[in-house]
Amino acid sequence: MAGFLANAHGDPVVALEIQLGFAPELLPPEFGYARLVPGPGGVLREEGDRWEQALVLTRIATECFAAAEGAVDAS
């Protein structure tokens, strides 16, 4: 994120042309990428809550971006 900001910082044309995407994946369960564990009665279920995990990843990314902004502004 710091590299992205350093390259776009101070140049409005570059800042408009370059985008940093962040997309925590929330594919449907039938894609089969979520880890499954035995639940009550031995029925397989997803190990975690992917919606909650996506929110956590988004919070972490937001915090990292803010830290990167501070580092680029300080340099």
C-alpha atoms as a PDB file:
ATOM      1  CA  MET A   1       0.000   0.000   0.000  1.00  0.00           C
ATOM      2  CA  ALA A   2       2.875   2.356   0.721  1.00  0.00           C
ATOM      3  CA  GLY A   3       4.341   1.603  -2.716  1.00  0.00           C
ATOM      4  CA  PHE A   4       0.992   2.295  -4.338  1.00  0.00           C
ATOM      5  CA  LEU A   5       0.626   5.597  -2.513  1.00  0.00           C
ATOM      6  CA  ALA A   6       4.230   6.623  -3.145  1.00  0.00           C
ATOM      7  CA  ASN A   7       3.762   6.168  -6.881  1.00  0.00           C
ATOM      8  CA  ALA A   8       0.424   7.992  -7.018  1.00  0.00           C
ATOM      9  CA  HIS A   9       1.168  10.607  -4.359  1.00  0.00           C
ATOM     10  CA  GLY A  10       1.356  14.176  -5.618  1.00  0.00           C
ATOM     11  CA  ASP A  11       0.397  13.356  -9.208  1.00  0.00           C
ATOM     12  CA  PRO A  12      -3.369  13.730  -9.736  1.00  0.00           C
ATOM     13  CA  VAL A  13      -3.237  12.108 -13.190  1.00  0.00           C
ATOM     14  CA  VAL A  14      -1.503   9.010 -11.849  1.00  0.00           C
ATOM     15  CA  ALA A  15      -3.807   8.940  -8.825  1.00  0.00           C
ATOM     16  CA  LEU A  16      -6.856   8.875 -11.115  1.00  0.00           C
ATOM     17  CA  GLU A  17      -5.466   6.199 -13.419  1.00  0.00           C
ATOM     18  CA  ILE A  18      -4.189   3.764 -10.789  1.00  0.00           C
ATOM     19  CA  GLN A  19      -6.552   1.938  -8.484  1.00  0.00           C
ATOM     20  CA  LEU A  20      -5.796  -0.352  -5.608  1.00  0.00           C
ATOM     21  CA  GLY A  21      -8.385  -3.083  -5.379  1.00  0.00           C
ATOM     22  CA  PHE A  22      -9.245  -5.030  -2.270  1.00  0.00           C
ATOM     23  CA  ALA A  23     -11.847  -7.779  -2.462  1.00  0.00           C
ATOM     24  CA  PRO A  24     -12.172 -10.347   0.306  1.00  0.00           C
ATOM     25  CA  GLU A  25     -13.788 -13.316  -1.413  1.00  0.00           C
ATOM     26  CA  LEU A  26     -17.248 -14.404  -0.346  1.00  0.00           C
ATOM     27  CA  LEU A  27     -18.001 -17.067  -2.907  1.00  0.00           C
ATOM     28  CA  PRO A  28     -20.953 -19.378  -2.359  1.00  0.00           C
ATOM     29  CA  PRO A  29     -20.288 -22.583  -0.390  1.00  0.00           C
ATOM     30  CA  GLU A  30     -20.813 -24.770  -3.481  1.00  0.00           C
ATOM     31  CA  PHE A  31     -17.449 -23.580  -4.829  1.00  0.00           C
ATOM     32  CA  GLY A  32     -15.918 -25.754  -2.125  1.00  0.00           C
ATOM     33  CA  TYR A  33     -13.028 -23.524  -1.059  1.00  0.00           C
ATOM     34  CA  ALA A  34     -14.055 -23.098   2.582  1.00  0.00           C
ATOM     35  CA  ARG A  35     -12.486 -25.509   5.021  1.00  0.00           C
ATOM     36  CA  LEU A  36     -15.060 -27.915   6.454  1.00  0.00           C
ATOM     37  CA  VAL A  37     -15.033 -29.434   9.925  1.00  0.00           C
ATOM     38  CA  PRO A  38     -17.403 -31.904  11.572  1.00  0.00           C
ATOM     39  CA  GLY A  39     -20.185 -30.155  13.456  1.00  0.00           C
ATOM     40  CA  PRO A  40     -22.817 -31.553  15.807  1.00  0.00           C
ATOM     41  CA  GLY A  41     -23.886 -35.013  14.680  1.00  0.00           C
ATOM     42  CA  GLY A  42     -20.865 -35.297  12.381  1.00  0.00           C
ATOM     43  CA  VAL A  43     -22.369 -33.042   9.694  1.00  0.00           C
ATOM     44  CA  LEU A  44     -19.678 -31.050   7.904  1.00  0.00           C
ATOM     45  CA  ARG A  45     -19.903 -27.278   8.256  1.00  0.00           C
ATOM     46  CA  GLU A  46     -17.671 -24.346   7.385  1.00  0.00           C
ATOM     47  CA  GLU A  47     -14.945 -23.784   9.944  1.00  0.00           C
ATOM     48  CA  GLY A  48     -15.599 -20.060  10.344  1.00  0.00           C
ATOM     49  CA  ASP A  49     -17.943 -17.257   9.464  1.00  0.00           C
ATOM     50  CA  ARG A  50     -16.710 -15.944   6.085  1.00  0.00           C
ATOM     51  CA  TRP A  51     -18.759 -12.753   6.414  1.00  0.00           C
ATOM     52  CA  GLU A  52     -17.129 -11.960   9.748  1.00  0.00           C
ATOM     53  CA  GLN A  53     -13.701 -12.837   8.315  1.00  0.00           C
ATOM     54  CA  ALA A  54     -14.305 -10.480   5.376  1.00  0.00           C
ATOM     55  CA  LEU A  55     -15.118  -7.667   7.804  1.00  0.00           C
ATOM     56  CA  VAL A  56     -11.937  -8.380   9.786  1.00  0.00           C
ATOM     57  CA  LEU A  57      -9.829  -8.398   6.596  1.00  0.00           C
ATOM     58  CA  THR A  58     -11.422  -5.120   5.499  1.00  0.00           C
ATOM     59  CA  ARG A  59     -10.647  -3.528   8.879  1.00  0.00           C
ATOM     60  CA  ILE A  60      -7.035  -4.736   8.678  1.00  0.00           C
ATOM     61  CA  ALA A  61      -6.663  -3.433   5.118  1.00  0.00           C
ATOM     62  CA  THR A  62      -8.124  -0.062   6.146  1.00  0.00           C
ATOM     63  CA  GLU A  63      -5.689   0.182   9.062  1.00  0.00           C
ATOM     64  CA  CYS A  64      -2.753  -0.772   6.813  1.00  0.00           C
ATOM     65  CA  PHE A  65      -3.772   1.836   4.247  1.00  0.00           C
ATOM     66  CA  ALA A  66      -3.970   4.528   6.930  1.00  0.00           C
ATOM     67  CA  ALA A  67      -0.526   3.520   8.227  1.00  0.00           C
ATOM     68  CA  ALA A  68       0.856   3.592   4.690  1.00  0.00           C
ATOM     69  CA  GLU A  69      -0.608   7.076   4.149  1.00  0.00           C
ATOM     70  CA  GLY A  70       1.143   8.253   7.307  1.00  0.00           C
ATOM     71  CA  ALA A  71       4.449   6.711   6.214  1.00  0.00           C
ATOM     72  CA  VAL A  72       4.274   8.277   2.739  1.00  0.00           C
ATOM     73  CA  ASP A  73       3.260  11.675   4.146  1.00  0.00           C
ATOM     74  CA  ALA A  74       6.162  11.540   6.625  1.00  0.00           C
ATOM     75  CA  SER A  75       8.733  10.857   3.910  1.00  0.00           C
END
